[in-house]
Amino acid sequence: MIIELAFIACMAAPAAECREESIVYDNGPLLGCIVGAQAKLAEWTAAHGSWQVREYSCRYMYRTAEEL
């Protein structure tokens, strides 16, 4: 089953624009996502400097890899 790390990212500005983002884990247990989430989000934040992660969760993704 595909696991998705879903999170809300907001611009680091007074008029904060927010959007939903996600990182897909191909396979593995949900616990793997939970344990590795902070490291993955730190990488994402470093690559998207003006955005800040507000909240996140790991969940099963009910789409196929072809639909992505």
N, C-alpha and C. Protein backbone atom coordinates (compact mmCIF):
# COMPACT_ATOMS: atom_id res chain seq x y z
N MET A 1 0.85 -1.18 0.00
CA MET A 1 0.00 0.00 0.00
C MET A 1 0.89 1.24 0.00
N ILE A 2 0.46 2.26 -0.68
CA ILE A 2 1.23 3.50 -0.77
C ILE A 2 0.91 4.38 0.44
N ILE A 3 1.97 4.95 1.02
CA ILE A 3 1.84 5.84 2.17
C ILE A 3 2.12 7.26 1.71
N GLU A 4 1.36 8.21 2.23
CA GLU A 4 1.52 9.60 1.88
C GLU A 4 1.78 10.42 3.14
N LEU A 5 2.82 11.25 3.10
CA LEU A 5 3.08 12.23 4.15
C LEU A 5 2.43 13.53 3.66
N ALA A 6 1.27 13.84 4.21
CA ALA A 6 0.51 15.02 3.80
C ALA A 6 0.79 16.13 4.80
N PHE A 7 0.95 17.36 4.29
CA PHE A 7 1.22 18.47 5.19
C PHE A 7 0.70 19.78 4.62
N ILE A 8 0.52 20.74 5.52
CA ILE A 8 0.12 22.08 5.16
C ILE A 8 1.36 22.96 5.24
N ALA A 9 1.66 23.65 4.14
CA ALA A 9 2.80 24.56 4.09
C ALA A 9 2.27 25.98 3.87
N CYS A 10 2.84 26.93 4.62
CA CYS A 10 2.42 28.31 4.51
C CYS A 10 3.63 29.20 4.25
N MET A 11 3.42 30.27 3.49
CA MET A 11 4.47 31.25 3.23
C MET A 11 4.83 31.94 4.54
N ALA A 12 6.11 32.21 4.70
CA ALA A 12 6.59 32.91 5.90
C ALA A 12 6.45 34.42 5.68
N ALA A 13 5.23 34.90 5.63
CA ALA A 13 4.94 36.31 5.38
C ALA A 13 3.70 36.70 6.17
N PRO A 14 3.51 37.99 6.39
CA PRO A 14 2.33 38.42 7.16
C PRO A 14 1.00 37.92 6.58
N ALA A 15 0.82 38.00 5.28
CA ALA A 15 -0.40 37.48 4.64
C ALA A 15 -0.11 36.06 4.18
N ALA A 16 -0.12 35.14 5.10
CA ALA A 16 0.32 33.76 4.84
C ALA A 16 -0.60 33.04 3.87
N GLU A 17 -0.05 32.67 2.74
CA GLU A 17 -0.74 31.81 1.77
C GLU A 17 -0.39 30.38 2.16
N CYS A 18 -1.38 29.51 2.26
CA CYS A 18 -1.14 28.12 2.64
C CYS A 18 -1.62 27.19 1.53
N ARG A 19 -1.00 26.03 1.47
CA ARG A 19 -1.40 25.02 0.49
C ARG A 19 -1.10 23.64 1.04
N GLU A 20 -1.82 22.65 0.52
CA GLU A 20 -1.57 21.27 0.92
C GLU A 20 -0.54 20.67 -0.01
N GLU A 21 0.42 19.99 0.56
CA GLU A 21 1.48 19.32 -0.17
C GLU A 21 1.54 17.87 0.30
N SER A 22 2.28 17.04 -0.42
CA SER A 22 2.46 15.67 0.05
C SER A 22 3.74 15.09 -0.53
N ILE A 23 4.27 14.13 0.20
CA ILE A 23 5.43 13.35 -0.21
C ILE A 23 4.98 11.90 -0.18
N VAL A 24 5.23 11.17 -1.24
CA VAL A 24 4.76 9.80 -1.36
C VAL A 24 5.86 8.82 -1.01
N TYR A 25 5.54 7.89 -0.13
CA TYR A 25 6.41 6.76 0.19
C TYR A 25 5.89 5.59 -0.63
N ASP A 26 6.72 4.99 -1.46
CA ASP A 26 6.26 3.93 -2.35
C ASP A 26 5.61 2.77 -1.60
N ASN A 27 6.32 2.20 -0.69
CA ASN A 27 5.80 1.07 0.09
C ASN A 27 6.42 1.13 1.47
N GLY A 28 5.89 0.35 2.35
CA GLY A 28 6.43 0.29 3.69
C GLY A 28 5.34 0.52 4.71
N PRO A 29 5.68 0.31 5.96
CA PRO A 29 4.69 0.47 7.02
C PRO A 29 4.41 1.94 7.31
N LEU A 30 3.25 2.20 7.82
CA LEU A 30 2.87 3.55 8.22
C LEU A 30 3.84 4.09 9.27
N LEU A 31 4.33 3.24 10.12
CA LEU A 31 5.28 3.65 11.15
C LEU A 31 6.55 4.23 10.54
N GLY A 32 6.97 3.72 9.39
CA GLY A 32 8.15 4.26 8.70
C GLY A 32 7.96 5.72 8.32
N CYS A 33 6.77 6.07 7.90
CA CYS A 33 6.45 7.46 7.58
C CYS A 33 6.46 8.31 8.84
N ILE A 34 5.84 7.80 9.88
CA ILE A 34 5.75 8.56 11.13
C ILE A 34 7.15 8.84 11.69
N VAL A 35 8.01 7.83 11.68
CA VAL A 35 9.36 7.98 12.21
C VAL A 35 10.21 8.92 11.35
N GLY A 36 10.06 8.85 10.04
CA GLY A 36 10.88 9.64 9.15
C GLY A 36 10.31 10.98 8.73
N ALA A 37 9.12 11.31 9.21
CA ALA A 37 8.41 12.51 8.75
C ALA A 37 9.19 13.80 9.00
N GLN A 38 9.74 13.98 10.19
CA GLN A 38 10.42 15.23 10.50
C GLN A 38 11.65 15.44 9.62
N ALA A 39 12.39 14.39 9.34
CA ALA A 39 13.57 14.51 8.47
C ALA A 39 13.15 14.86 7.05
N LYS A 40 12.10 14.20 6.52
CA LYS A 40 11.61 14.50 5.17
C LYS A 40 11.10 15.94 5.08
N LEU A 41 10.40 16.38 6.11
CA LEU A 41 9.87 17.74 6.10
C LEU A 41 10.99 18.78 6.22
N ALA A 42 12.04 18.46 6.94
CA ALA A 42 13.20 19.36 7.03
C ALA A 42 13.86 19.50 5.66
N GLU A 43 13.98 18.40 4.92
CA GLU A 43 14.53 18.45 3.56
C GLU A 43 13.65 19.31 2.66
N TRP A 44 12.34 19.10 2.75
CA TRP A 44 11.40 19.86 1.92
C TRP A 44 11.50 21.35 2.25
N THR A 45 11.54 21.68 3.53
CA THR A 45 11.63 23.08 3.95
C THR A 45 12.93 23.72 3.48
N ALA A 46 14.02 22.99 3.52
CA ALA A 46 15.31 23.51 3.05
C ALA A 46 15.25 23.82 1.54
N ALA A 47 14.53 23.02 0.80
CA ALA A 47 14.41 23.23 -0.65
C ALA A 47 13.37 24.30 -1.01
N HIS A 48 12.51 24.63 -0.08
CA HIS A 48 11.44 25.63 -0.30
C HIS A 48 11.54 26.68 0.81
N GLY A 49 12.61 27.43 0.80
CA GLY A 49 12.99 28.33 1.89
C GLY A 49 11.95 29.30 2.40
N SER A 50 11.06 29.77 1.58
CA SER A 50 10.08 30.76 2.04
C SER A 50 8.81 30.11 2.58
N TRP A 51 8.76 28.79 2.64
CA TRP A 51 7.59 28.07 3.14
C TRP A 51 7.89 27.43 4.49
N GLN A 52 6.89 27.36 5.34
CA GLN A 52 6.99 26.71 6.64
C GLN A 52 5.90 25.65 6.75
N VAL A 53 6.25 24.51 7.33
CA VAL A 53 5.28 23.43 7.53
C VAL A 53 4.51 23.73 8.81
N ARG A 54 3.19 23.71 8.71
CA ARG A 54 2.33 24.01 9.85
C ARG A 54 1.83 22.74 10.56
N GLU A 55 1.43 21.76 9.79
CA GLU A 55 0.94 20.50 10.37
C GLU A 55 1.14 19.39 9.36
N TYR A 56 1.21 18.16 9.85
CA TYR A 56 1.43 17.04 8.94
C TYR A 56 0.81 15.77 9.50
N SER A 57 0.61 14.80 8.61
CA SER A 57 0.13 13.49 9.02
C SER A 57 0.54 12.46 7.98
N CYS A 58 0.65 11.23 8.41
CA CYS A 58 0.92 10.11 7.51
C CYS A 58 -0.39 9.37 7.32
N ARG A 59 -0.66 8.97 6.09
CA ARG A 59 -1.92 8.28 5.81
C ARG A 59 -1.74 7.34 4.63
N TYR A 60 -2.63 6.38 4.57
CA TYR A 60 -2.65 5.48 3.42
C TYR A 60 -3.22 6.24 2.23
N MET A 61 -2.63 6.00 1.09
CA MET A 61 -3.07 6.67 -0.12
C MET A 61 -3.88 5.67 -0.93
N TYR A 62 -5.08 6.04 -1.30
CA TYR A 62 -5.95 5.12 -2.01
C TYR A 62 -5.98 5.41 -3.51
N ARG A 63 -4.88 5.96 -4.02
CA ARG A 63 -4.70 6.14 -5.46
C ARG A 63 -3.58 5.21 -5.91
N THR A 64 -3.61 4.85 -7.13
CA THR A 64 -2.53 4.04 -7.67
C THR A 64 -1.36 4.93 -8.09
N ALA A 65 -0.19 4.36 -8.23
CA ALA A 65 0.99 5.12 -8.64
C ALA A 65 0.78 5.76 -10.01
N GLU A 66 0.01 5.12 -10.87
CA GLU A 66 -0.25 5.64 -12.21
C GLU A 66 -1.09 6.93 -12.17
N GLU A 67 -1.92 7.09 -11.13
CA GLU A 67 -2.77 8.27 -11.01
C GLU A 67 -2.01 9.50 -10.53
N LEU A 68 -0.82 9.32 -10.04
CA LEU A 68 -0.05 10.45 -9.50
C LEU A 68 0.51 11.28 -10.55
